[in-house]
Amino acid sequence: MASREDLAIIRAARAGQAEAQLALGRRYLFGGNGLPQSFATALHWLDRAARQGVPDAWTLIGEHIPYEVVAQAPKPLEYVLWYERAFEAGRKLAGLSFARLVLAHQAQPEAQAMLGKAVKALESEANAGTAEAQWLLSQQQGGRKPADVATATGEQRAAEQVTATQWAQKAADAGIGQAQLALADAAWLRLDRADFIRRALPLARSLLAQYGADLPQLNAPSEGLARHLGEGNIVLLSRLAQVLAEINEVDADEAQLMLELAAYADDKSAQLSLGLFFARMNENGGRAFPGFGSANYKKAIRWLTLAGERGLAAAWYALSRIYLKPEFSQRNLADAQHYLERAAEMGHVLGQLECGSSAWRNRREDPANDVRAVYWLQKAAAQDNADARDLLAKIADRPAAAAWAVEARSQMTRDFLSAYPFLAARLELAILFGLTRPEALLIDLKQADCGHCLVVDIRDYYARSKRRLILIETGDERQVLNRIGRLFEDVDCSLSGPEGNYRQRLYRLKTALPLDDDEQEEEGDLAEES
């Protein structure tokens, strides 16, 4: 409770007396005499006194009001003058807050004029060994405005980047966590695994010492743990989890705790890594983590399922490999196939390759398996998988123009093609997909078009033929098929349909151009089969 003396000072301060405002600001600054410590209230009264020309007021602001308090004010730059004056008066702590205020609002015109002085203040503090100033100076030199970067030469930019890295290194050595995270992040981005591990491992161990005791109490990912760790630390742990197998100085227990820390912080990549760690396998299904003991498939399934439900296809693929393992007590081929297909549907290239290969191996069990095989192999080949491309080349043909159809089309008049639209469409299919004469004349497009490939199977009408698949690879091919498909949409394409039997279709073609010896032989063969 405020004393009578305090009340008198408050009345005088409210009346505008500068000395009373200074005294009241000092009392709120340090607390005591019945008044609580309040930096925000102290800033209010000291600012009013400083505006009346009291030097002690801005000196107290510069030395004792933290930057974080000023940063919460509605207009922080209104106070920057007091920090500037305190710094000019020799108060070093004021110089750091002055620089932080200016740099935090450097986009504003009033801060532009003070930018040079702010950088000099930072350099002074950095050279004096202030770790926070070293980190801020590193950020300032490494994150220049695009206009400044555009006018600088390559040598200047390289030199500034080196200097920024040096200041960041000094700040990191002094224990600034943000600097340590930044250097680890930079090492990761330039693919320097060794440097990343060197910088990230001590940070991870520090986090483990701080939060590791809470892990046994958790049964599910915790939002509270995620908030305490912060996004930067979670990313660090997640990345470290991906290279854990490369770290020799980490034993199985410590590795598990590091993975669990990030996984319980609800990072899906860490959940995947933890599941793979428990399964003692890598993302491709191979064995990993030698010397770390036996696998725990029950825990692996738990974390891999969580990661899969968060959208990681690699988790479903890993689950499919687990359910195939002979040593797994709950081995189940149906579950393995289910998870494999989920991974493939989400774009996992190895899952797509395995789905395609499996369908091709089992094509005798289901005649449609070859179509499924082509579908998945096309997906994998689109992701530049060489094995998928090789197998696809053995299974399916690529579209290639049929010479006979090109010649036939060229010899037919426009009136003839208009009079026989179905024959014209079949010739177009033959030209586009390389169909033989019997295939072109007998194919039922409604049954043949599978979306990703064309199934050419006329064995019921032409015994000498073979079932084959032709890839549909381009948008133009798809458009042609859609257009021709609409033409045949309500038409019976069987031999009892309006086009007639094979003899009638072949005769119609023959009226436009004479048959060669091979065609005559085909017609004779069909007559014998009939």
Protein backbone atom coordinates (compact mmCIF):
# COMPACT_ATOMS: atom_id res chain seq x y z
CA MET A 1 0.00 0.00 0.00
CA ALA A 2 1.36 3.43 -0.96
CA SER A 3 2.57 5.63 1.90
CA ARG A 4 1.63 9.25 2.37
CA GLU A 5 4.96 10.24 0.87
CA ASP A 6 4.27 8.10 -2.19
CA LEU A 7 0.81 9.61 -2.57
CA ALA A 8 2.26 13.10 -2.46
CA ILE A 9 4.79 12.17 -5.17
CA ILE A 10 2.03 10.66 -7.30
CA ARG A 11 -0.09 13.83 -7.03
CA ALA A 12 2.88 15.98 -7.95
CA ALA A 13 3.82 13.75 -10.88
CA ARG A 14 0.30 13.88 -12.21
CA ALA A 15 0.43 17.65 -11.89
CA GLY A 16 3.41 17.63 -14.29
CA GLN A 17 6.34 18.21 -11.91
CA ALA A 18 9.42 16.72 -13.60
CA GLU A 19 11.30 15.86 -10.39
CA ALA A 20 8.25 14.10 -8.99
CA GLN A 21 7.87 12.12 -12.24
CA LEU A 22 11.57 11.14 -12.01
CA ALA A 23 11.16 10.08 -8.37
CA LEU A 24 7.99 8.12 -9.08
CA GLY A 25 9.57 6.42 -12.09
CA ARG A 26 12.58 5.44 -9.98
CA ARG A 27 10.35 3.96 -7.27
CA TYR A 28 8.42 1.83 -9.78
CA LEU A 29 11.70 0.87 -11.41
CA PHE A 30 13.20 -0.67 -8.28
CA GLY A 31 10.08 -1.26 -6.16
CA GLY A 32 9.78 -0.75 -2.41
CA ASN A 33 8.27 1.94 -0.15
CA GLY A 34 4.83 0.50 -0.70
CA LEU A 35 5.00 0.54 -4.51
CA PRO A 36 5.49 -2.66 -6.59
CA GLN A 37 8.21 -3.01 -9.18
CA SER A 38 6.74 -2.34 -12.63
CA PHE A 39 8.99 -1.64 -15.61
CA ALA A 40 6.08 -0.55 -17.77
CA THR A 41 4.85 2.01 -15.20
CA ALA A 42 8.41 3.16 -14.57
CA LEU A 43 8.90 3.68 -18.30
CA HIS A 44 5.74 5.81 -18.43
CA TRP A 45 6.86 8.24 -15.71
CA LEU A 46 10.52 8.33 -16.68
CA ASP A 47 9.52 9.09 -20.26
CA ARG A 48 7.40 12.03 -19.08
CA ALA A 49 10.30 13.33 -17.03
CA ALA A 50 12.75 12.87 -19.92
CA ARG A 51 10.47 14.89 -22.19
CA GLN A 52 10.88 17.76 -19.73
CA GLY A 53 14.66 17.60 -20.11
CA VAL A 54 15.68 15.57 -17.04
CA PRO A 55 18.95 13.72 -17.97
CA ASP A 56 18.66 11.21 -15.11
CA ALA A 57 15.35 10.05 -16.59
CA TRP A 58 16.73 8.89 -19.92
CA THR A 59 19.81 7.51 -18.18
CA LEU A 60 17.60 5.30 -16.01
CA ILE A 61 15.59 4.22 -19.06
CA GLY A 62 18.73 3.30 -21.01
CA GLU A 63 20.35 1.39 -18.15
CA HIS A 64 17.42 -0.37 -16.50
CA ILE A 65 14.37 -0.68 -18.80
CA PRO A 66 14.82 -3.93 -20.79
CA TYR A 67 14.28 -3.97 -24.53
CA GLU A 68 11.48 -6.51 -24.13
CA VAL A 69 9.42 -3.98 -22.13
CA VAL A 70 9.81 -1.23 -24.73
CA ALA A 71 9.07 -3.65 -27.55
CA GLN A 72 5.60 -4.28 -26.04
CA ALA A 73 4.74 -0.56 -26.13
CA PRO A 74 2.28 0.65 -28.81
CA LYS A 75 4.97 2.85 -30.43
CA PRO A 76 8.42 1.56 -29.41
CA LEU A 77 10.31 4.09 -31.53
CA GLU A 78 9.01 6.88 -29.30
CA TYR A 79 11.54 5.77 -26.69
CA VAL A 80 14.53 5.16 -28.95
CA LEU A 81 15.83 8.70 -28.39
CA TRP A 82 16.37 8.04 -24.67
CA TYR A 83 18.43 4.91 -25.37
CA GLU A 84 20.45 6.82 -27.95
CA ARG A 85 21.22 9.62 -25.49
CA ALA A 86 22.09 7.17 -22.72
CA PHE A 87 24.44 5.35 -25.08
CA GLU A 88 26.09 8.62 -26.09
CA ALA A 89 26.52 9.34 -22.39
CA GLY A 90 28.54 6.16 -22.02
CA ARG A 91 25.88 3.68 -20.91
CA LYS A 92 26.83 0.53 -22.87
CA LEU A 93 23.70 -1.45 -21.99
CA ALA A 94 21.63 1.32 -23.54
CA GLY A 95 23.55 0.91 -26.80
CA LEU A 96 22.40 -2.69 -27.21
CA SER A 97 18.73 -1.83 -26.60
CA PHE A 98 19.07 1.18 -28.92
CA ALA A 99 20.42 -1.03 -31.71
CA ARG A 100 17.72 -3.65 -31.19
CA LEU A 101 14.97 -1.06 -31.38
CA VAL A 102 16.32 0.47 -34.56
CA LEU A 103 16.96 -2.86 -36.29
CA ALA A 104 13.56 -4.23 -35.31
CA HIS A 105 11.86 -1.24 -36.98
CA GLN A 106 14.37 -0.38 -39.69
CA ALA A 107 11.68 -0.42 -42.36
CA GLN A 108 10.16 2.72 -40.80
CA PRO A 109 11.51 6.08 -42.06
CA GLU A 110 12.32 7.44 -38.59
CA ALA A 111 14.60 4.45 -37.94
CA GLN A 112 16.49 4.74 -41.24
CA ALA A 113 18.38 7.83 -40.11
CA MET A 114 19.67 6.00 -37.01
CA LEU A 115 20.59 2.73 -38.73
CA GLY A 116 24.29 3.54 -39.14
CA LYS A 117 24.66 4.55 -35.51
CA ALA A 118 22.79 1.42 -34.41
CA VAL A 119 25.20 -0.83 -36.33
CA LYS A 120 28.17 0.99 -34.80
CA ALA A 121 26.67 0.46 -31.35
CA LEU A 122 26.32 -3.23 -32.10
CA GLU A 123 29.91 -3.45 -33.34
CA SER A 124 31.14 -1.73 -30.18
CA GLU A 125 29.26 -4.17 -27.94
CA ALA A 126 30.22 -7.18 -30.08
CA ASN A 127 33.91 -6.28 -29.95
CA ALA A 128 33.56 -5.88 -26.18
CA GLY A 129 32.43 -9.52 -26.01
CA THR A 130 28.65 -9.12 -25.58
CA ALA A 131 27.27 -12.34 -27.02
CA GLU A 132 23.82 -10.95 -27.76
CA ALA A 133 25.37 -8.09 -29.75
CA GLN A 134 27.50 -10.56 -31.68
CA TRP A 135 24.41 -12.54 -32.66
CA LEU A 136 22.46 -9.42 -33.68
CA LEU A 137 25.43 -8.18 -35.73
CA SER A 138 25.63 -11.53 -37.47
CA GLN A 139 21.95 -11.32 -38.37
CA GLN A 140 22.34 -7.76 -39.61
CA GLN A 141 25.30 -8.53 -41.85
CA GLY A 142 23.92 -11.82 -43.12
CA GLY A 143 20.44 -10.48 -43.90
CA ARG A 144 20.94 -7.27 -45.83
CA LYS A 145 18.13 -5.74 -47.83
CA PRO A 146 17.78 -6.91 -51.45
CA ALA A 147 18.63 -3.41 -52.75
CA ASP A 148 21.94 -3.41 -50.87
CA VAL A 149 22.76 -6.93 -52.03
CA ALA A 150 22.05 -5.99 -55.64
CA THR A 151 24.58 -3.14 -55.57
CA ALA A 152 27.30 -5.12 -53.78
CA THR A 153 29.95 -7.04 -55.70
CA GLY A 154 30.37 -10.77 -55.37
CA GLU A 155 33.51 -10.32 -53.29
CA GLN A 156 31.73 -7.91 -50.94
CA ARG A 157 28.83 -10.29 -50.43
CA ALA A 158 31.20 -13.19 -49.78
CA ALA A 159 33.23 -11.14 -47.29
CA GLU A 160 30.10 -10.02 -45.45
CA GLN A 161 28.84 -13.58 -45.27
CA VAL A 162 32.14 -14.75 -43.81
CA THR A 163 32.05 -11.94 -41.24
CA ALA A 164 28.45 -12.76 -40.34
CA THR A 165 29.39 -16.43 -39.85
CA GLN A 166 32.31 -15.44 -37.62
CA TRP A 167 30.09 -13.31 -35.39
CA ALA A 168 27.51 -16.11 -35.26
CA GLN A 169 30.25 -18.54 -34.26
CA LYS A 170 31.36 -16.26 -31.43
CA ALA A 171 27.77 -15.87 -30.25
CA ALA A 172 27.27 -19.63 -30.40
CA ASP A 173 30.47 -20.24 -28.43
CA ALA A 174 29.17 -17.82 -25.82
CA GLY A 175 26.02 -19.87 -25.41
CA ILE A 176 23.44 -18.01 -27.50
CA GLY A 177 20.96 -20.73 -28.39
CA GLN A 178 19.61 -19.02 -31.50
CA ALA A 179 23.13 -18.73 -32.90
CA GLN A 180 23.80 -22.40 -32.24
CA LEU A 181 20.55 -23.35 -33.96
CA ALA A 182 21.34 -21.08 -36.92
CA LEU A 183 24.77 -22.62 -37.47
CA ALA A 184 23.31 -26.13 -37.25
CA ASP A 185 20.59 -25.13 -39.72
CA ALA A 186 23.17 -23.70 -42.13
CA ALA A 187 25.20 -26.91 -41.96
CA TRP A 188 22.08 -28.97 -42.72
CA LEU A 189 21.13 -26.81 -45.71
CA ARG A 190 24.57 -27.09 -47.27
CA LEU A 191 24.40 -30.89 -46.75
CA ASP A 192 27.38 -30.94 -44.40
CA ARG A 193 26.26 -33.84 -42.21
CA ALA A 194 29.43 -33.95 -40.11
CA ASP A 195 29.26 -30.25 -39.19
CA PHE A 196 25.53 -30.52 -38.50
CA ILE A 197 26.05 -33.45 -36.12
CA ARG A 198 28.91 -31.62 -34.39
CA ARG A 199 26.69 -28.60 -33.73
CA ALA A 200 23.34 -30.31 -33.18
CA LEU A 201 24.35 -33.12 -30.84
CA PRO A 202 25.32 -30.88 -27.86
CA LEU A 203 22.08 -28.93 -28.27
CA ALA A 204 20.04 -32.14 -28.36
CA ARG A 205 21.79 -33.41 -25.23
CA SER A 206 21.06 -30.11 -23.49
CA LEU A 207 17.38 -30.39 -24.40
CA LEU A 208 17.36 -33.99 -23.22
CA ALA A 209 18.82 -32.95 -19.86
CA GLN A 210 16.14 -30.29 -19.54
CA TYR A 211 13.06 -32.19 -20.69
CA GLY A 212 14.04 -35.87 -20.67
CA ALA A 213 12.63 -36.51 -17.21
CA ASP A 214 9.13 -35.71 -18.48
CA LEU A 215 9.13 -38.42 -21.16
CA PRO A 216 8.16 -41.42 -18.97
CA GLN A 217 5.00 -39.56 -17.92
CA LEU A 218 3.79 -39.10 -21.50
CA ASN A 219 1.54 -41.57 -23.28
CA ALA A 220 0.83 -39.52 -26.41
CA PRO A 221 2.26 -36.51 -28.24
CA SER A 222 2.07 -33.41 -26.06
CA GLU A 223 1.27 -29.88 -27.21
CA GLY A 224 2.76 -28.57 -23.98
CA LEU A 225 6.10 -30.21 -24.69
CA ALA A 226 6.02 -28.80 -28.22
CA ARG A 227 5.47 -25.27 -26.90
CA HIS A 228 8.31 -25.57 -24.40
CA LEU A 229 10.76 -26.94 -26.96
CA GLY A 230 9.91 -24.39 -29.65
CA GLU A 231 9.80 -24.92 -33.39
CA GLY A 232 13.55 -24.45 -33.91
CA ASN A 233 14.51 -27.12 -31.38
CA ILE A 234 11.91 -29.56 -32.73
CA VAL A 235 13.28 -29.15 -36.25
CA LEU A 236 16.80 -29.69 -34.93
CA LEU A 237 15.79 -32.92 -33.16
CA SER A 238 13.86 -34.09 -36.21
CA ARG A 239 16.85 -33.57 -38.47
CA LEU A 240 19.17 -35.22 -35.98
CA ALA A 241 16.84 -38.22 -35.95
CA GLN A 242 17.40 -38.67 -39.68
CA VAL A 243 21.18 -39.01 -39.28
CA LEU A 244 21.21 -40.82 -35.96
CA ALA A 245 22.52 -43.99 -37.55
CA GLU A 246 25.66 -42.08 -38.59
CA ILE A 247 26.55 -41.00 -35.03
CA ASN A 248 28.93 -43.44 -33.35
CA GLU A 249 29.12 -41.76 -29.93
CA VAL A 250 25.39 -42.18 -29.18
CA ASP A 251 24.26 -45.41 -27.52
CA ALA A 252 20.86 -47.05 -27.95
CA ASP A 253 19.30 -45.54 -24.82
CA GLU A 254 20.36 -41.98 -25.62
CA ALA A 255 19.30 -42.36 -29.25
CA GLN A 256 15.87 -43.57 -28.19
CA LEU A 257 15.40 -40.67 -25.74
CA MET A 258 16.37 -38.09 -28.38
CA LEU A 259 13.94 -39.59 -30.85
CA GLU A 260 11.18 -39.79 -28.25
CA LEU A 261 11.68 -36.15 -27.26
CA ALA A 262 10.92 -34.94 -30.79
CA ALA A 263 8.25 -37.58 -31.41
CA TYR A 264 6.33 -36.65 -28.25
CA ALA A 265 6.60 -33.03 -29.37
CA ASP A 266 4.36 -34.20 -32.25
CA ASP A 267 6.89 -33.93 -35.07
CA LYS A 268 5.79 -36.43 -37.73
CA SER A 269 9.28 -36.89 -39.20
CA ALA A 270 10.61 -37.76 -35.75
CA GLN A 271 7.71 -40.19 -35.24
CA LEU A 272 8.70 -41.90 -38.48
CA SER A 273 12.34 -42.00 -37.39
CA LEU A 274 11.40 -43.40 -33.98
CA GLY A 275 9.27 -46.11 -35.57
CA LEU A 276 12.11 -47.07 -37.89
CA PHE A 277 14.51 -47.07 -34.92
CA PHE A 278 12.31 -49.49 -32.97
CA ALA A 279 12.01 -51.66 -36.09
CA ARG A 280 15.79 -51.44 -36.63
CA MET A 281 15.23 -50.67 -40.30
CA ASN A 282 15.64 -47.84 -42.79
CA GLU A 283 12.98 -46.26 -44.99
CA ASN A 284 13.66 -48.76 -47.78
CA GLY A 285 12.97 -51.70 -45.50
CA GLY A 286 16.60 -52.73 -45.06
CA ARG A 287 18.26 -53.44 -41.74
CA ALA A 288 19.69 -50.48 -39.83
CA PHE A 289 21.11 -49.53 -36.42
CA PRO A 290 23.47 -52.51 -36.05
CA GLY A 291 24.59 -53.07 -32.48
CA PHE A 292 21.52 -51.30 -31.03
CA GLY A 293 19.80 -54.49 -29.91
CA SER A 294 16.76 -56.33 -31.24
CA ALA A 295 13.70 -54.76 -32.80
CA ASN A 296 10.52 -53.91 -30.90
CA TYR A 297 7.82 -54.22 -33.55
CA LYS A 298 4.95 -53.35 -31.21
CA LYS A 299 6.40 -49.90 -30.48
CA ALA A 300 7.51 -49.49 -34.09
CA ILE A 301 3.96 -50.07 -35.34
CA ARG A 302 2.58 -47.52 -32.89
CA TRP A 303 4.85 -44.69 -34.02
CA LEU A 304 4.78 -45.59 -37.70
CA THR A 305 0.99 -45.58 -37.63
CA LEU A 306 1.02 -42.10 -36.08
CA ALA A 307 3.42 -40.87 -38.75
CA GLY A 308 1.37 -42.48 -41.52
CA GLU A 309 -1.83 -40.86 -40.27
CA ARG A 310 0.02 -37.52 -40.35
CA GLY A 311 0.62 -37.99 -44.09
CA LEU A 312 4.03 -39.71 -44.38
CA ALA A 313 3.88 -42.39 -47.07
CA ALA A 314 7.23 -43.82 -45.93
CA ALA A 315 5.59 -44.86 -42.65
CA TRP A 316 3.00 -47.02 -44.42
CA TYR A 317 5.71 -48.57 -46.58
CA ALA A 318 7.76 -49.41 -43.49
CA LEU A 319 4.68 -51.00 -41.91
CA SER A 320 4.20 -53.15 -44.99
CA ARG A 321 7.77 -54.40 -44.64
CA ILE A 322 7.26 -55.19 -40.95
CA TYR A 323 4.17 -57.33 -41.63
CA LEU A 324 6.21 -59.35 -44.14
CA LYS A 325 8.99 -60.21 -41.70
CA PRO A 326 9.10 -63.91 -40.76
CA GLU A 327 10.27 -63.08 -37.24
CA PHE A 328 7.26 -60.84 -36.58
CA SER A 329 4.74 -62.85 -34.55
CA GLN A 330 1.76 -61.11 -36.21
CA ARG A 331 3.01 -61.55 -39.77
CA ASN A 332 0.11 -61.01 -42.15
CA LEU A 333 0.32 -60.80 -45.93
CA ALA A 334 -3.06 -59.09 -46.26
CA ASP A 335 -2.04 -56.32 -43.86
CA ALA A 336 1.28 -55.98 -45.63
CA GLN A 337 -0.50 -55.49 -48.97
CA HIS A 338 -2.93 -53.01 -47.41
CA TYR A 339 -0.15 -50.79 -46.06
CA LEU A 340 1.84 -51.16 -49.27
CA GLU A 341 -1.10 -49.87 -51.31
CA ARG A 342 -1.60 -46.95 -48.91
CA ALA A 343 2.02 -45.97 -49.37
CA ALA A 344 1.73 -46.30 -53.14
CA GLU A 345 -1.46 -44.22 -53.24
CA MET A 346 0.35 -41.46 -51.35
CA GLY A 347 3.15 -41.42 -53.92
CA HIS A 348 5.82 -43.62 -52.34
CA VAL A 349 7.94 -44.70 -55.30
CA LEU A 350 9.14 -48.01 -53.83
CA GLY A 351 5.58 -48.80 -52.81
CA GLN A 352 4.41 -48.14 -56.35
CA LEU A 353 7.20 -50.28 -57.78
CA GLU A 354 6.39 -53.15 -55.42
CA CYS A 355 2.64 -52.89 -56.13
CA GLY A 356 3.35 -53.04 -59.85
CA SER A 357 5.81 -55.91 -59.57
CA SER A 358 3.49 -57.88 -57.29
CA ALA A 359 0.53 -57.43 -59.63
CA TRP A 360 2.62 -58.60 -62.58
CA ARG A 361 3.89 -61.67 -60.73
CA ASN A 362 0.31 -62.64 -59.85
CA ARG A 363 -1.21 -61.91 -63.27
CA ARG A 364 -2.33 -65.53 -63.69
CA GLU A 365 -4.51 -65.28 -60.60
CA ASP A 366 -6.44 -62.35 -62.04
CA PRO A 367 -6.42 -61.38 -65.75
CA ALA A 368 -6.70 -57.71 -64.78
CA ASN A 369 -3.48 -57.75 -62.75
CA ASP A 370 -1.41 -56.79 -65.77
CA VAL A 371 -3.47 -53.59 -66.05
CA ARG A 372 -2.88 -52.87 -62.35
CA ALA A 373 0.82 -53.54 -62.82
CA VAL A 374 1.06 -51.00 -65.63
CA TYR A 375 -0.81 -48.41 -63.54
CA TRP A 376 1.61 -48.58 -60.59
CA LEU A 377 4.71 -48.93 -62.75
CA GLN A 378 3.72 -45.82 -64.69
CA LYS A 379 3.44 -43.93 -61.38
CA ALA A 380 6.89 -45.11 -60.27
CA ALA A 381 8.46 -44.46 -63.68
CA ALA A 382 7.10 -40.90 -63.55
CA GLN A 383 9.28 -40.46 -60.44
CA ASP A 384 12.30 -41.59 -62.46
CA ASN A 385 12.56 -45.09 -61.04
CA ALA A 386 14.77 -47.09 -63.42
CA ASP A 387 13.48 -50.50 -62.32
CA ALA A 388 9.91 -49.42 -63.00
CA ARG A 389 10.83 -48.13 -66.45
CA ASP A 390 12.59 -51.39 -67.34
CA LEU A 391 9.72 -53.60 -66.20
CA LEU A 392 7.17 -51.34 -67.86
CA ALA A 393 9.02 -51.67 -71.16
CA LYS A 394 8.65 -55.48 -70.93
CA ILE A 395 4.97 -55.40 -70.02
CA ALA A 396 3.47 -52.73 -72.26
CA ASP A 397 4.03 -51.23 -75.69
CA ARG A 398 4.48 -47.57 -76.38
CA PRO A 399 2.24 -45.84 -78.96
CA ALA A 400 3.69 -45.96 -82.50
CA ALA A 401 1.96 -45.21 -85.77
CA ALA A 402 0.86 -48.21 -87.88
CA ALA A 403 2.19 -47.77 -91.42
CA TRP A 404 -0.73 -49.63 -93.01
CA ALA A 405 -3.25 -47.32 -91.33
CA VAL A 406 -1.36 -44.19 -92.39
CA GLU A 407 -1.35 -45.42 -96.00
CA ALA A 408 -5.01 -46.45 -95.88
CA ARG A 409 -6.06 -43.12 -94.46
CA SER A 410 -4.15 -41.26 -97.16
CA GLN A 411 -5.89 -43.21 -99.96
CA MET A 412 -9.41 -42.71 -98.66
CA THR A 413 -11.43 -39.76 -99.81
CA ARG A 414 -13.06 -37.33 -97.44
CA ASP A 415 -16.50 -38.41 -98.64
CA PHE A 416 -15.70 -42.05 -97.88
CA LEU A 417 -14.46 -41.22 -94.37
CA SER A 418 -17.56 -39.11 -93.75
CA ALA A 419 -19.76 -41.94 -94.92
CA TYR A 420 -18.03 -44.44 -92.58
CA PRO A 421 -17.20 -42.55 -89.32
CA PHE A 422 -16.61 -45.75 -87.32
CA LEU A 423 -14.02 -47.00 -89.81
CA ALA A 424 -12.37 -43.56 -89.84
CA ALA A 425 -12.18 -43.62 -86.02
CA ARG A 426 -10.67 -47.10 -86.02
CA LEU A 427 -8.02 -46.00 -88.52
CA GLU A 428 -7.22 -43.04 -86.28
CA LEU A 429 -6.75 -45.41 -83.34
CA ALA A 430 -4.45 -47.61 -85.43
CA ILE A 431 -2.38 -44.60 -86.49
CA LEU A 432 -2.09 -43.34 -82.93
CA PHE A 433 -1.45 -46.62 -81.09
CA GLY A 434 0.08 -48.89 -83.73
CA LEU A 435 -2.79 -51.40 -83.98
CA THR A 436 -2.72 -54.24 -86.50
CA ARG A 437 -5.57 -54.50 -89.00
CA PRO A 438 -7.50 -57.13 -87.02
CA GLU A 439 -6.95 -55.17 -83.78
CA ALA A 440 -8.15 -51.93 -85.33
CA LEU A 441 -11.25 -53.51 -86.86
CA LEU A 442 -12.24 -55.63 -83.84
CA ILE A 443 -11.24 -53.60 -80.76
CA ASP A 444 -14.07 -52.59 -78.41
CA LEU A 445 -12.88 -49.22 -77.09
CA LYS A 446 -15.36 -49.16 -74.21
CA GLN A 447 -13.71 -52.26 -72.77
CA ALA A 448 -10.19 -51.52 -73.93
CA ASP A 449 -9.76 -48.01 -72.48
CA CYS A 450 -8.51 -48.37 -68.89
CA GLY A 451 -7.54 -44.74 -68.46
CA HIS A 452 -3.78 -45.22 -68.19
CA CYS A 453 -3.44 -47.87 -70.90
CA LEU A 454 -5.25 -49.51 -73.77
CA VAL A 455 -6.00 -53.24 -73.39
CA VAL A 456 -6.00 -54.83 -76.85
CA ASP A 457 -7.53 -58.30 -76.57
CA ILE A 458 -9.41 -59.71 -79.60
CA ARG A 459 -8.66 -63.38 -78.98
CA ASP A 460 -12.34 -64.25 -78.85
CA TYR A 461 -12.68 -63.15 -82.48
CA TYR A 462 -9.16 -63.67 -83.82
CA ALA A 463 -7.35 -66.65 -82.32
CA ARG A 464 -3.96 -65.77 -83.76
CA SER A 465 -3.82 -62.54 -81.76
CA LYS A 466 -2.33 -61.98 -78.30
CA ARG A 467 -3.48 -59.81 -75.44
CA ARG A 468 -1.28 -56.73 -75.18
CA LEU A 469 -1.23 -53.40 -73.36
CA ILE A 470 -0.43 -50.05 -74.96
CA LEU A 471 0.52 -47.08 -72.76
CA ILE A 472 -1.44 -43.85 -72.80
CA GLU A 473 1.24 -41.27 -72.08
CA THR A 474 0.20 -37.85 -73.33
CA GLY A 475 -2.72 -35.49 -73.02
CA ASP A 476 -3.22 -35.54 -76.78
CA GLU A 477 -3.64 -39.32 -76.74
CA ARG A 478 -6.14 -39.00 -73.93
CA GLN A 479 -8.15 -36.39 -75.82
CA VAL A 480 -8.31 -38.53 -78.97
CA LEU A 481 -9.51 -41.53 -76.95
CA ASN A 482 -12.15 -39.44 -75.21
CA ARG A 483 -13.40 -38.09 -78.54
CA ILE A 484 -13.54 -41.52 -80.18
CA GLY A 485 -15.04 -42.99 -77.02
CA ARG A 486 -17.94 -40.55 -77.26
CA LEU A 487 -18.50 -41.70 -80.86
CA PHE A 488 -18.79 -45.35 -79.77
CA GLU A 489 -20.52 -44.58 -76.48
CA ASP A 490 -24.00 -45.84 -77.46
CA VAL A 491 -22.85 -48.27 -80.14
CA ASP A 492 -22.70 -52.05 -79.90
CA CYS A 493 -19.12 -52.80 -80.98
CA SER A 494 -19.58 -56.57 -81.04
CA LEU A 495 -19.83 -58.55 -84.28
CA SER A 496 -23.60 -58.30 -84.08
CA GLY A 497 -23.50 -54.51 -83.92
CA PRO A 498 -24.08 -52.02 -86.74
CA GLU A 499 -20.50 -52.37 -88.01
CA GLY A 500 -21.12 -56.00 -88.86
CA ASN A 501 -18.78 -58.95 -88.54
CA TYR A 502 -15.09 -59.01 -89.37
CA ARG A 503 -15.71 -59.89 -93.06
CA GLN A 504 -17.98 -56.89 -93.47
CA ARG A 505 -15.56 -54.55 -91.72
CA LEU A 506 -12.65 -55.83 -93.78
CA TYR A 507 -14.68 -55.53 -96.99
CA ARG A 508 -15.49 -51.94 -96.14
CA LEU A 509 -11.78 -51.27 -95.72
CA LYS A 510 -11.00 -53.16 -98.93
CA THR A 511 -13.31 -50.96 -100.97
CA ALA A 512 -11.07 -48.02 -100.23
CA LEU A 513 -7.77 -49.71 -101.10
CA PRO A 514 -6.75 -53.13 -102.41
CA LEU A 515 -5.56 -55.74 -99.91
CA ASP A 516 -2.03 -57.05 -100.13
CA ASP A 517 -1.10 -60.72 -99.77
CA ASP A 518 -0.92 -60.56 -95.96
CA GLU A 519 -4.41 -59.11 -95.76
CA GLN A 520 -5.74 -61.80 -98.05
CA GLU A 521 -4.15 -64.41 -95.79
CA GLU A 522 -5.73 -62.79 -92.70
CA GLU A 523 -9.13 -62.88 -94.35
CA GLY A 524 -8.65 -66.55 -95.26
CA ASP A 525 -7.54 -67.43 -91.72
CA LEU A 526 -10.58 -65.76 -90.25
CA ALA A 527 -12.83 -67.69 -92.65
CA GLU A 528 -11.28 -70.97 -91.47
CA GLU A 529 -11.72 -69.95 -87.77
CA SER A 530 -15.33 -69.05 -88.46
